[in-house]
Amino acid sequence: MIFISGYVSAVGSLSGLAIGDAMGAPFEGHPRLSTGALRMLQYGTFLQNQAHFTDDTLQAIAVAESLIQCRGYSPEDLIGRLITGYRRFPQYYGPTSRGAFEAVIAGAPPDRAASQVRGGRSGSRSNGSVMRGPPVGIFFRGEKVREVSLRCSYLTHDHPVAAECSAWVNQMVSDLCRGFSKTGAFSRALHRCDDEEVIRVLGGYHQYAIVPGLDALEATHAALSVFMESHTFHDAITRAIRLGGDTDTVAAIAGALAGAWTGYRGIPESWRTRIPGIEEVTSVGCLLWSVSQSTRQGFPG
């Protein structure tokens, strides 16, 4: 029963990330959405031609496929897969990830690329490593989630806030996939966090105004807030998109959390069937959980 529940949650988490990304992408950069735009979202009008994945999903799939192929975390394999996606669709990628990838292409060691290209300490605090990280939570459990999350984040984002935000989300995804409640997963992520700013803002998420920005902490706070205050997957995604701003990334992070919580069956059927490419994402989610269990990397108990 634990395996079945975890399997459904794992597939729900990766699919939820991709669906949030695709549904949020058409609204990226918009101000807070009007009732009319929400009505369009409600009835799926734009899904026919506009709902496509961005680098949020491309990078998350790269993380998942690397974990599957290597049966664990390999920074060399992962950075190669991330660069392959970047070369295919460079228009999707932000300056932080782009700079790290270009440094590696030019010959920099993967573990040093991010520090070589950052423009000051705040230059690598954007949300790219947060949005791609949930497969780490699906695959690993316990302290291993935090360890790999930090290492995975530092490949491109040389800032502790970005790394801790990624670890926070991934730890919640891991616990949600393994049967924890929302509050239980939240409390465990809070207990394990080691950055005062992240602890203050995410730990007291309801006390801060939501800013759906490019900053890692802003985006994570926005996604965490809508997830914790939502009762369904549908509610979490529509709340995330309604915020405006970096809608694809906030909705992707919220979707990963909500999908882990509700499971795949909690995602509206129309969203599961009408977004191009979602079948591949679902298949990767299935395999990711299966390999995690077979290697006992994420086996409960």
C-alpha atoms as a PDB file:
ATOM      1  CA  MET A   1       0.000   0.000   0.000  1.00  0.00           C
ATOM      2  CA  ILE A   2       2.898   2.366   0.734  1.00  0.00           C
ATOM      3  CA  PHE A   3       4.399   1.616  -2.666  1.00  0.00           C
ATOM      4  CA  ILE A   4       1.139   2.278  -4.518  1.00  0.00           C
ATOM      5  CA  SER A   5       0.561   5.527  -2.673  1.00  0.00           C
ATOM      6  CA  GLY A   6       4.117   6.673  -3.311  1.00  0.00           C
ATOM      7  CA  TYR A   7       3.935   5.697  -6.966  1.00  0.00           C
ATOM      8  CA  VAL A   8       0.770   7.727  -7.541  1.00  0.00           C
ATOM      9  CA  SER A   9       2.227  10.685  -5.651  1.00  0.00           C
ATOM     10  CA  ALA A  10       5.521  10.551  -7.546  1.00  0.00           C
ATOM     11  CA  VAL A  11       3.784  10.556 -10.904  1.00  0.00           C
ATOM     12  CA  GLY A  12       1.492  13.302  -9.661  1.00  0.00           C
ATOM     13  CA  SER A  13       4.417  15.450  -8.555  1.00  0.00           C
ATOM     14  CA  LEU A  14       6.369  15.344 -11.816  1.00  0.00           C
ATOM     15  CA  SER A  15       3.201  15.659 -13.902  1.00  0.00           C
ATOM     16  CA  GLY A  16       1.995  18.472 -11.662  1.00  0.00           C
ATOM     17  CA  LEU A  17       5.244  20.377 -12.199  1.00  0.00           C
ATOM     18  CA  ALA A  18       4.915  20.055 -15.976  1.00  0.00           C
ATOM     19  CA  ILE A  19       1.235  20.990 -16.011  1.00  0.00           C
ATOM     20  CA  GLY A  20       1.837  24.035 -13.831  1.00  0.00           C
ATOM     21  CA  ASP A  21       4.675  25.092 -16.127  1.00  0.00           C
ATOM     22  CA  ALA A  22       2.659  24.666 -19.316  1.00  0.00           C
ATOM     23  CA  MET A  23      -0.472  26.321 -17.972  1.00  0.00           C
ATOM     24  CA  GLY A  24       1.425  29.209 -16.434  1.00  0.00           C
ATOM     25  CA  ALA A  25       3.650  29.917 -19.431  1.00  0.00           C
ATOM     26  CA  PRO A  26       1.105  31.898 -21.508  1.00  0.00           C
ATOM     27  CA  PHE A  27       0.654  34.320 -18.600  1.00  0.00           C
ATOM     28  CA  GLU A  28       4.307  34.865 -17.686  1.00  0.00           C
ATOM     29  CA  GLY A  29       5.108  38.513 -17.020  1.00  0.00           C
ATOM     30  CA  HIS A  30       1.465  39.543 -16.725  1.00  0.00           C
ATOM     31  CA  PRO A  31       0.164  41.454 -13.724  1.00  0.00           C
ATOM     32  CA  ARG A  32      -2.327  39.788 -11.396  1.00  0.00           C
ATOM     33  CA  LEU A  33      -4.905  38.095 -13.611  1.00  0.00           C
ATOM     34  CA  SER A  34      -8.419  39.352 -14.145  1.00  0.00           C
ATOM     35  CA  THR A  35     -11.579  37.337 -13.664  1.00  0.00           C
ATOM     36  CA  GLY A  36     -11.841  36.948 -17.438  1.00  0.00           C
ATOM     37  CA  ALA A  37      -8.394  35.401 -17.709  1.00  0.00           C
ATOM     38  CA  LEU A  38      -9.203  33.043 -14.868  1.00  0.00           C
ATOM     39  CA  ARG A  39     -12.403  32.021 -16.622  1.00  0.00           C
ATOM     40  CA  MET A  40     -10.354  31.180 -19.721  1.00  0.00           C
ATOM     41  CA  LEU A  41      -8.061  29.091 -17.553  1.00  0.00           C
ATOM     42  CA  GLN A  42     -11.010  27.415 -15.848  1.00  0.00           C
ATOM     43  CA  TYR A  43     -12.462  26.174 -19.126  1.00  0.00           C
ATOM     44  CA  GLY A  44      -9.165  25.390 -20.772  1.00  0.00           C
ATOM     45  CA  THR A  45      -9.652  27.642 -23.794  1.00  0.00           C
ATOM     46  CA  PHE A  46      -5.952  28.269 -24.304  1.00  0.00           C
ATOM     47  CA  LEU A  47      -4.888  24.638 -23.911  1.00  0.00           C
ATOM     48  CA  GLN A  48      -5.492  23.824 -27.563  1.00  0.00           C
ATOM     49  CA  ASN A  49      -2.559  25.812 -28.933  1.00  0.00           C
ATOM     50  CA  GLN A  50      -0.687  27.575 -26.168  1.00  0.00           C
ATOM     51  CA  ALA A  51       0.094  25.115 -23.371  1.00  0.00           C
ATOM     52  CA  HIS A  52       3.682  24.021 -23.948  1.00  0.00           C
ATOM     53  CA  PHE A  53       6.473  23.189 -21.547  1.00  0.00           C
ATOM     54  CA  THR A  54       9.339  25.596 -20.920  1.00  0.00           C
ATOM     55  CA  ASP A  55      12.765  25.020 -19.396  1.00  0.00           C
ATOM     56  CA  ASP A  56      11.129  24.402 -16.016  1.00  0.00           C
ATOM     57  CA  THR A  57       9.952  21.021 -17.291  1.00  0.00           C
ATOM     58  CA  LEU A  58      12.924  20.418 -19.596  1.00  0.00           C
ATOM     59  CA  GLN A  59      15.348  20.805 -16.689  1.00  0.00           C
ATOM     60  CA  ALA A  60      13.228  18.739 -14.302  1.00  0.00           C
ATOM     61  CA  ILE A  61      13.068  15.916 -16.847  1.00  0.00           C
ATOM     62  CA  ALA A  62      16.858  16.134 -17.260  1.00  0.00           C
ATOM     63  CA  VAL A  63      17.247  15.741 -13.483  1.00  0.00           C
ATOM     64  CA  ALA A  64      14.833  12.806 -13.438  1.00  0.00           C
ATOM     65  CA  GLU A  65      16.444  11.013 -16.377  1.00  0.00           C
ATOM     66  CA  SER A  66      19.919  11.477 -14.910  1.00  0.00           C
ATOM     67  CA  LEU A  67      18.817   9.959 -11.600  1.00  0.00           C
ATOM     68  CA  ILE A  68      17.242   7.060 -13.484  1.00  0.00           C
ATOM     69  CA  GLN A  69      20.215   6.395 -15.758  1.00  0.00           C
ATOM     70  CA  CYS A  70      22.869   6.749 -13.036  1.00  0.00           C
ATOM     71  CA  ARG A  71      20.686   5.200 -10.332  1.00  0.00           C
ATOM     72  CA  GLY A  72      21.614   8.194  -8.191  1.00  0.00           C
ATOM     73  CA  TYR A  73      23.137  11.651  -8.444  1.00  0.00           C
ATOM     74  CA  SER A  74      25.945  12.269 -10.945  1.00  0.00           C
ATOM     75  CA  PRO A  75      26.829  15.941 -11.492  1.00  0.00           C
ATOM     76  CA  GLU A  76      28.748  15.144 -14.686  1.00  0.00           C
ATOM     77  CA  ASP A  77      25.844  13.279 -16.241  1.00  0.00           C
ATOM     78  CA  LEU A  78      23.301  15.857 -15.079  1.00  0.00           C
ATOM     79  CA  ILE A  79      25.131  18.913 -16.376  1.00  0.00           C
ATOM     80  CA  GLY A  80      25.487  17.180 -19.745  1.00  0.00           C
ATOM     81  CA  ARG A  81      21.757  16.582 -19.942  1.00  0.00           C
ATOM     82  CA  LEU A  82      20.965  20.136 -18.860  1.00  0.00           C
ATOM     83  CA  ILE A  83      23.276  21.508 -21.528  1.00  0.00           C
ATOM     84  CA  THR A  84      21.646  19.303 -24.174  1.00  0.00           C
ATOM     85  CA  GLY A  85      18.267  20.841 -23.340  1.00  0.00           C
ATOM     86  CA  TYR A  86      19.773  24.321 -23.330  1.00  0.00           C
ATOM     87  CA  ARG A  87      21.253  23.827 -26.786  1.00  0.00           C
ATOM     88  CA  ARG A  88      17.885  22.696 -28.148  1.00  0.00           C
ATOM     89  CA  PHE A  89      15.847  25.563 -26.709  1.00  0.00           C
ATOM     90  CA  PRO A  90      18.201  28.365 -25.600  1.00  0.00           C
ATOM     91  CA  GLN A  91      15.392  30.929 -25.712  1.00  0.00           C
ATOM     92  CA  TYR A  92      13.783  29.405 -22.612  1.00  0.00           C
ATOM     93  CA  TYR A  93      16.769  29.697 -20.296  1.00  0.00           C
ATOM     94  CA  GLY A  94      17.533  32.526 -17.896  1.00  0.00           C
ATOM     95  CA  PRO A  95      20.906  34.284 -17.601  1.00  0.00           C
ATOM     96  CA  THR A  96      22.071  32.408 -14.503  1.00  0.00           C
ATOM     97  CA  SER A  97      21.673  28.914 -15.951  1.00  0.00           C
ATOM     98  CA  ARG A  98      22.795  30.084 -19.370  1.00  0.00           C
ATOM     99  CA  GLY A  99      26.011  31.515 -17.938  1.00  0.00           C
ATOM    100  CA  ALA A 100      26.831  28.307 -16.068  1.00  0.00           C
ATOM    101  CA  PHE A 101      26.133  26.143 -19.102  1.00  0.00           C
ATOM    102  CA  GLU A 102      28.236  28.319 -21.385  1.00  0.00           C
ATOM    103  CA  ALA A 103      31.091  28.177 -18.863  1.00  0.00           C
ATOM    104  CA  VAL A 104      30.995  24.374 -18.852  1.00  0.00           C
ATOM    105  CA  ILE A 105      30.836  24.303 -22.657  1.00  0.00           C
ATOM    106  CA  ALA A 106      33.945  26.511 -22.660  1.00  0.00           C
ATOM    107  CA  GLY A 107      35.779  24.030 -20.437  1.00  0.00           C
ATOM    108  CA  ALA A 108      35.020  24.994 -16.823  1.00  0.00           C
ATOM    109  CA  PRO A 109      34.647  22.120 -14.328  1.00  0.00           C
ATOM    110  CA  PRO A 110      30.924  21.603 -13.586  1.00  0.00           C
ATOM    111  CA  ASP A 111      31.432  22.177  -9.865  1.00  0.00           C
ATOM    112  CA  ARG A 112      33.088  25.557 -10.457  1.00  0.00           C
ATOM    113  CA  ALA A 113      31.099  26.982 -13.359  1.00  0.00           C
ATOM    114  CA  ALA A 114      28.458  28.763 -11.285  1.00  0.00           C
ATOM    115  CA  SER A 115      30.995  30.556  -9.103  1.00  0.00           C
ATOM    116  CA  GLN A 116      32.931  31.696 -12.173  1.00  0.00           C
ATOM    117  CA  VAL A 117      29.988  33.386 -13.874  1.00  0.00           C
ATOM    118  CA  ARG A 118      27.985  34.900 -11.044  1.00  0.00           C
ATOM    119  CA  GLY A 119      27.725  38.678 -11.089  1.00  0.00           C
ATOM    120  CA  GLY A 120      28.125  39.427  -7.401  1.00  0.00           C
ATOM    121  CA  ARG A 121      26.644  37.383  -4.554  1.00  0.00           C
ATOM    122  CA  SER A 122      23.070  38.216  -5.499  1.00  0.00           C
ATOM    123  CA  GLY A 123      23.527  37.341  -9.156  1.00  0.00           C
ATOM    124  CA  SER A 124      22.877  33.619  -8.712  1.00  0.00           C
ATOM    125  CA  ARG A 125      19.873  33.742  -6.424  1.00  0.00           C
ATOM    126  CA  SER A 126      17.248  33.312  -9.164  1.00  0.00           C
ATOM    127  CA  ASN A 127      14.707  30.490  -9.088  1.00  0.00           C
ATOM    128  CA  GLY A 128      16.023  28.126 -11.791  1.00  0.00           C
ATOM    129  CA  SER A 129      17.418  25.499  -9.442  1.00  0.00           C
ATOM    130  CA  VAL A 130      14.201  25.425  -7.400  1.00  0.00           C
ATOM    131  CA  MET A 131      11.938  24.698 -10.346  1.00  0.00           C
ATOM    132  CA  ARG A 132      13.991  21.753 -11.625  1.00  0.00           C
ATOM    133  CA  GLY A 133      14.632  20.081  -8.267  1.00  0.00           C
ATOM    134  CA  PRO A 134      11.496  18.074  -7.324  1.00  0.00           C
ATOM    135  CA  PRO A 135      12.710  14.834  -8.985  1.00  0.00           C
ATOM    136  CA  VAL A 136      15.389  14.797  -6.274  1.00  0.00           C
ATOM    137  CA  GLY A 137      12.607  14.685  -3.687  1.00  0.00           C
ATOM    138  CA  ILE A 138      10.791  11.932  -5.545  1.00  0.00           C
ATOM    139  CA  PHE A 139      13.948   9.816  -5.759  1.00  0.00           C
ATOM    140  CA  PHE A 140      15.567  10.312  -2.340  1.00  0.00           C
ATOM    141  CA  ARG A 141      14.325  10.384   1.238  1.00  0.00           C
ATOM    142  CA  GLY A 142      15.541  11.778   4.556  1.00  0.00           C
ATOM    143  CA  GLU A 143      18.820  13.670   4.844  1.00  0.00           C
ATOM    144  CA  LYS A 144      19.892  12.520   1.386  1.00  0.00           C
ATOM    145  CA  VAL A 145      17.290  14.839  -0.139  1.00  0.00           C
ATOM    146  CA  ARG A 146      18.902  17.896   1.388  1.00  0.00           C
ATOM    147  CA  GLU A 147      22.435  16.805   0.517  1.00  0.00           C
ATOM    148  CA  VAL A 148      21.684  16.185  -3.166  1.00  0.00           C
ATOM    149  CA  SER A 149      19.408  19.228  -3.457  1.00  0.00           C
ATOM    150  CA  LEU A 150      22.173  21.561  -2.343  1.00  0.00           C
ATOM    151  CA  ARG A 151      24.717  19.997  -4.675  1.00  0.00           C
ATOM    152  CA  CYS A 152      22.299  20.040  -7.602  1.00  0.00           C
ATOM    153  CA  SER A 153      21.442  23.702  -6.996  1.00  0.00           C
ATOM    154  CA  TYR A 154      25.060  24.823  -6.754  1.00  0.00           C
ATOM    155  CA  LEU A 155      25.747  23.463 -10.244  1.00  0.00           C
ATOM    156  CA  THR A 156      24.215  26.651 -11.646  1.00  0.00           C
ATOM    157  CA  HIS A 157      23.149  28.888  -8.750  1.00  0.00           C
ATOM    158  CA  ASP A 158      25.974  29.908  -6.457  1.00  0.00           C
ATOM    159  CA  HIS A 159      23.879  31.234  -3.589  1.00  0.00           C
ATOM    160  CA  PRO A 160      22.794  29.586  -0.326  1.00  0.00           C
ATOM    161  CA  VAL A 161      19.261  31.005  -0.487  1.00  0.00           C
ATOM    162  CA  ALA A 162      18.597  29.393  -3.866  1.00  0.00           C
ATOM    163  CA  ALA A 163      20.056  26.117  -2.607  1.00  0.00           C
ATOM    164  CA  GLU A 164      18.033  26.130   0.629  1.00  0.00           C
ATOM    165  CA  CYS A 165      14.814  26.971  -1.232  1.00  0.00           C
ATOM    166  CA  SER A 166      15.407  24.023  -3.535  1.00  0.00           C
ATOM    167  CA  ALA A 167      16.114  21.749  -0.578  1.00  0.00           C
ATOM    168  CA  TRP A 168      12.947  22.944   1.196  1.00  0.00           C
ATOM    169  CA  VAL A 169      10.685  22.148  -1.772  1.00  0.00           C
ATOM    170  CA  ASN A 170      12.369  18.834  -2.498  1.00  0.00           C
ATOM    171  CA  GLN A 171      12.132  17.701   1.121  1.00  0.00           C
ATOM    172  CA  MET A 172       8.419  18.467   1.160  1.00  0.00           C
ATOM    173  CA  VAL A 173       7.945  16.575  -2.117  1.00  0.00           C
ATOM    174  CA  SER A 174       9.861  13.614  -0.688  1.00  0.00           C
ATOM    175  CA  ASP A 175       7.758  13.473   2.473  1.00  0.00           C
ATOM    176  CA  LEU A 176       4.465  14.026   0.632  1.00  0.00           C
ATOM    177  CA  CYS A 177       5.304  11.136  -1.696  1.00  0.00           C
ATOM    178  CA  ARG A 178       5.912   8.988   1.369  1.00  0.00           C
ATOM    179  CA  GLY A 179       2.637   9.635   3.131  1.00  0.00           C
ATOM    180  CA  PHE A 180       3.246  12.735   5.248  1.00  0.00           C
ATOM    181  CA  SER A 181       0.577  15.385   5.643  1.00  0.00           C
ATOM    182  CA  LYS A 182       1.038  18.945   4.404  1.00  0.00           C
ATOM    183  CA  THR A 183       1.820  20.205   7.879  1.00  0.00           C
ATOM    184  CA  GLY A 184       4.092  17.284   8.631  1.00  0.00           C
ATOM    185  CA  ALA A 185       6.131  17.812   5.467  1.00  0.00           C
ATOM    186  CA  PHE A 186       6.260  21.561   6.106  1.00  0.00           C
ATOM    187  CA  SER A 187       7.473  21.106   9.679  1.00  0.00           C
ATOM    188  CA  ARG A 188      10.218  18.687   8.668  1.00  0.00           C
ATOM    189  CA  ALA A 189      11.459  21.015   5.907  1.00  0.00           C
ATOM    190  CA  LEU A 190      11.516  23.902   8.372  1.00  0.00           C
ATOM    191  CA  HIS A 191      13.454  21.849  10.923  1.00  0.00           C
ATOM    192  CA  ARG A 192      16.118  20.888   8.385  1.00  0.00           C
ATOM    193  CA  CYS A 193      16.644  24.339   6.861  1.00  0.00           C
ATOM    194  CA  ASP A 194      19.938  26.057   7.663  1.00  0.00           C
ATOM    195  CA  ASP A 195      19.445  29.608   6.353  1.00  0.00           C
ATOM    196  CA  GLU A 196      17.963  32.286   8.622  1.00  0.00           C
ATOM    197  CA  GLU A 197      16.299  34.264   5.849  1.00  0.00           C
ATOM    198  CA  VAL A 198      14.682  31.197   4.329  1.00  0.00           C
ATOM    199  CA  ILE A 199      13.540  29.990   7.753  1.00  0.00           C
ATOM    200  CA  ARG A 200      12.005  33.376   8.530  1.00  0.00           C
ATOM    201  CA  VAL A 201      10.149  33.831   5.231  1.00  0.00           C
ATOM    202  CA  LEU A 202       9.062  30.269   4.453  1.00  0.00           C
ATOM    203  CA  GLY A 203       8.564  29.302   8.079  1.00  0.00           C
ATOM    204  CA  GLY A 204       6.279  32.319   8.529  1.00  0.00           C
ATOM    205  CA  TYR A 205       4.929  32.299   4.971  1.00  0.00           C
ATOM    206  CA  HIS A 206       1.504  33.653   5.958  1.00  0.00           C
ATOM    207  CA  GLN A 207       3.073  36.804   7.450  1.00  0.00           C
ATOM    208  CA  TYR A 208       4.655  38.036   4.208  1.00  0.00           C
ATOM    209  CA  ALA A 209       3.138  39.569   1.087  1.00  0.00           C
ATOM    210  CA  ILE A 210       3.355  37.273  -1.924  1.00  0.00           C
ATOM    211  CA  VAL A 211       5.681  38.468  -4.684  1.00  0.00           C
ATOM    212  CA  PRO A 212       5.774  35.985  -7.604  1.00  0.00           C
ATOM    213  CA  GLY A 213       9.209  37.095  -8.779  1.00  0.00           C
ATOM    214  CA  LEU A 214      12.357  35.651 -10.297  1.00  0.00           C
ATOM    215  CA  ASP A 215      14.162  35.580  -6.956  1.00  0.00           C
ATOM    216  CA  ALA A 216      14.394  32.050  -5.553  1.00  0.00           C
ATOM    217  CA  LEU A 217      12.892  32.964  -2.186  1.00  0.00           C
ATOM    218  CA  GLU A 218      10.105  35.057  -3.704  1.00  0.00           C
ATOM    219  CA  ALA A 219       9.079  32.284  -6.099  1.00  0.00           C
ATOM    220  CA  THR A 220       9.317  29.571  -3.450  1.00  0.00           C
ATOM    221  CA  HIS A 221       7.353  31.644  -0.949  1.00  0.00           C
ATOM    222  CA  ALA A 222       4.620  32.292  -3.521  1.00  0.00           C
ATOM    223  CA  ALA A 223       4.357  28.610  -4.490  1.00  0.00           C
ATOM    224  CA  LEU A 224       4.458  27.386  -0.886  1.00  0.00           C
ATOM    225  CA  SER A 225       1.805  29.885   0.162  1.00  0.00           C
ATOM    226  CA  VAL A 226      -0.711  28.899  -2.509  1.00  0.00           C
ATOM    227  CA  PHE A 227      -0.045  25.207  -1.913  1.00  0.00           C
ATOM    228  CA  MET A 228      -0.513  25.381   1.841  1.00  0.00           C
ATOM    229  CA  GLU A 229      -3.727  27.380   1.463  1.00  0.00           C
ATOM    230  CA  SER A 230      -5.278  25.272  -1.325  1.00  0.00           C
ATOM    231  CA  HIS A 231      -7.614  22.305  -0.988  1.00  0.00           C
ATOM    232  CA  THR A 232      -7.195  20.764  -4.461  1.00  0.00           C
ATOM    233  CA  PHE A 233      -4.628  20.581  -7.243  1.00  0.00           C
ATOM    234  CA  HIS A 234      -6.864  22.764  -9.397  1.00  0.00           C
ATOM    235  CA  ASP A 235      -7.031  25.374  -6.675  1.00  0.00           C
ATOM    236  CA  ALA A 236      -3.243  25.452  -6.215  1.00  0.00           C
ATOM    237  CA  ILE A 237      -2.519  25.956  -9.917  1.00  0.00           C
ATOM    238  CA  THR A 238      -5.183  28.596 -10.499  1.00  0.00           C
ATOM    239  CA  ARG A 239      -4.076  30.517  -7.403  1.00  0.00           C
ATOM    240  CA  ALA A 240      -0.455  30.391  -8.566  1.00  0.00           C
ATOM    241  CA  ILE A 241      -1.255  31.640 -12.060  1.00  0.00           C
ATOM    242  CA  ARG A 242      -3.612  34.299 -10.814  1.00  0.00           C
ATOM    243  CA  LEU A 243      -0.694  35.956  -9.021  1.00  0.00           C
ATOM    244  CA  GLY A 244       0.876  36.958 -12.335  1.00  0.00           C
ATOM    245  CA  GLY A 245       4.623  37.539 -12.528  1.00  0.00           C
ATOM    246  CA  ASP A 246       6.764  34.437 -13.051  1.00  0.00           C
ATOM    247  CA  THR A 247       3.666  32.318 -13.523  1.00  0.00           C
ATOM    248  CA  ASP A 248       5.237  29.280 -15.155  1.00  0.00           C
ATOM    249  CA  THR A 249       7.825  28.752 -12.426  1.00  0.00           C
ATOM    250  CA  VAL A 250       5.555  29.529  -9.464  1.00  0.00           C
ATOM    251  CA  ALA A 251       2.871  27.225 -10.886  1.00  0.00           C
ATOM    252  CA  ALA A 252       5.474  24.525 -11.628  1.00  0.00           C
ATOM    253  CA  ILE A 253       6.732  24.525  -8.032  1.00  0.00           C
ATOM    254  CA  ALA A 254       3.195  24.643  -6.644  1.00  0.00           C
ATOM    255  CA  GLY A 255       2.210  21.872  -9.060  1.00  0.00           C
ATOM    256  CA  ALA A 256       5.042  19.623  -7.900  1.00  0.00           C
ATOM    257  CA  LEU A 257       3.947  20.032  -4.284  1.00  0.00           C
ATOM    258  CA  ALA A 258       0.224  19.716  -5.002  1.00  0.00           C
ATOM    259  CA  GLY A 259       0.698  16.721  -7.307  1.00  0.00           C
ATOM    260  CA  ALA A 260       2.708  14.905  -4.634  1.00  0.00           C
ATOM    261  CA  TRP A 261      -0.055  15.651  -2.143  1.00  0.00           C
ATOM    262  CA  THR A 262      -3.133  14.754  -4.246  1.00  0.00           C
ATOM    263  CA  GLY A 263      -1.480  12.127  -6.424  1.00  0.00           C
ATOM    264  CA  TYR A 264      -1.901  11.859 -10.170  1.00  0.00           C
ATOM    265  CA  ARG A 265      -5.613  11.157  -9.882  1.00  0.00           C
ATOM    266  CA  GLY A 266      -6.104  14.488  -8.117  1.00  0.00           C
ATOM    267  CA  ILE A 267      -5.123  16.391 -11.258  1.00  0.00           C
ATOM    268  CA  PRO A 268      -8.173  17.323 -13.375  1.00  0.00           C
ATOM    269  CA  GLU A 269      -8.553  14.867 -16.241  1.00  0.00           C
ATOM    270  CA  SER A 270      -8.774  17.607 -18.862  1.00  0.00           C
ATOM    271  CA  TRP A 271      -5.373  18.908 -17.739  1.00  0.00           C
ATOM    272  CA  ARG A 272      -3.899  15.398 -17.780  1.00  0.00           C
ATOM    273  CA  THR A 273      -5.033  14.653 -21.321  1.00  0.00           C
ATOM    274  CA  ARG A 274      -4.895  17.893 -23.301  1.00  0.00           C
ATOM    275  CA  ILE A 275      -1.363  19.167 -22.726  1.00  0.00           C
ATOM    276  CA  PRO A 276       1.065  17.978 -25.439  1.00  0.00           C
ATOM    277  CA  GLY A 277       3.861  15.773 -24.159  1.00  0.00           C
ATOM    278  CA  ILE A 278       2.372  14.985 -20.749  1.00  0.00           C
ATOM    279  CA  GLU A 279       2.439  11.240 -21.475  1.00  0.00           C
ATOM    280  CA  GLU A 280       6.242  11.301 -21.634  1.00  0.00           C
ATOM    281  CA  VAL A 281       6.418  13.181 -18.344  1.00  0.00           C
ATOM    282  CA  THR A 282       4.126  10.632 -16.728  1.00  0.00           C
ATOM    283  CA  SER A 283       6.279   7.766 -17.999  1.00  0.00           C
ATOM    284  CA  VAL A 284       9.440   9.383 -16.607  1.00  0.00           C
ATOM    285  CA  GLY A 285       7.703   9.842 -13.245  1.00  0.00           C
ATOM    286  CA  CYS A 286       6.750   6.152 -13.174  1.00  0.00           C
ATOM    287  CA  LEU A 287      10.295   5.053 -13.937  1.00  0.00           C
ATOM    288  CA  LEU A 288      11.847   7.518 -11.500  1.00  0.00           C
ATOM    289  CA  TRP A 289       9.860   6.092  -8.592  1.00  0.00           C
ATOM    290  CA  SER A 290      10.489   2.496  -9.669  1.00  0.00           C
ATOM    291  CA  VAL A 291      14.270   2.986  -9.838  1.00  0.00           C
ATOM    292  CA  SER A 292      14.200   4.818  -6.513  1.00  0.00           C
ATOM    293  CA  GLN A 293      12.524   1.827  -4.911  1.00  0.00           C
ATOM    294  CA  SER A 294      14.697  -0.768  -6.614  1.00  0.00           C
ATOM    295  CA  THR A 295      17.871   0.940  -5.407  1.00  0.00           C
ATOM    296  CA  ARG A 296      16.311   1.621  -1.999  1.00  0.00           C
ATOM    297  CA  GLN A 297      17.354   5.283  -2.383  1.00  0.00           C
ATOM    298  CA  GLY A 298      13.856   6.413  -1.504  1.00  0.00           C
ATOM    299  CA  PHE A 299      12.497   3.322   0.189  1.00  0.00           C
ATOM    300  CA  PRO A 300      10.512   4.203   3.317  1.00  0.00           C
ATOM    301  CA  GLY A 301      11.583   2.683   6.584  1.00  0.00           C
END
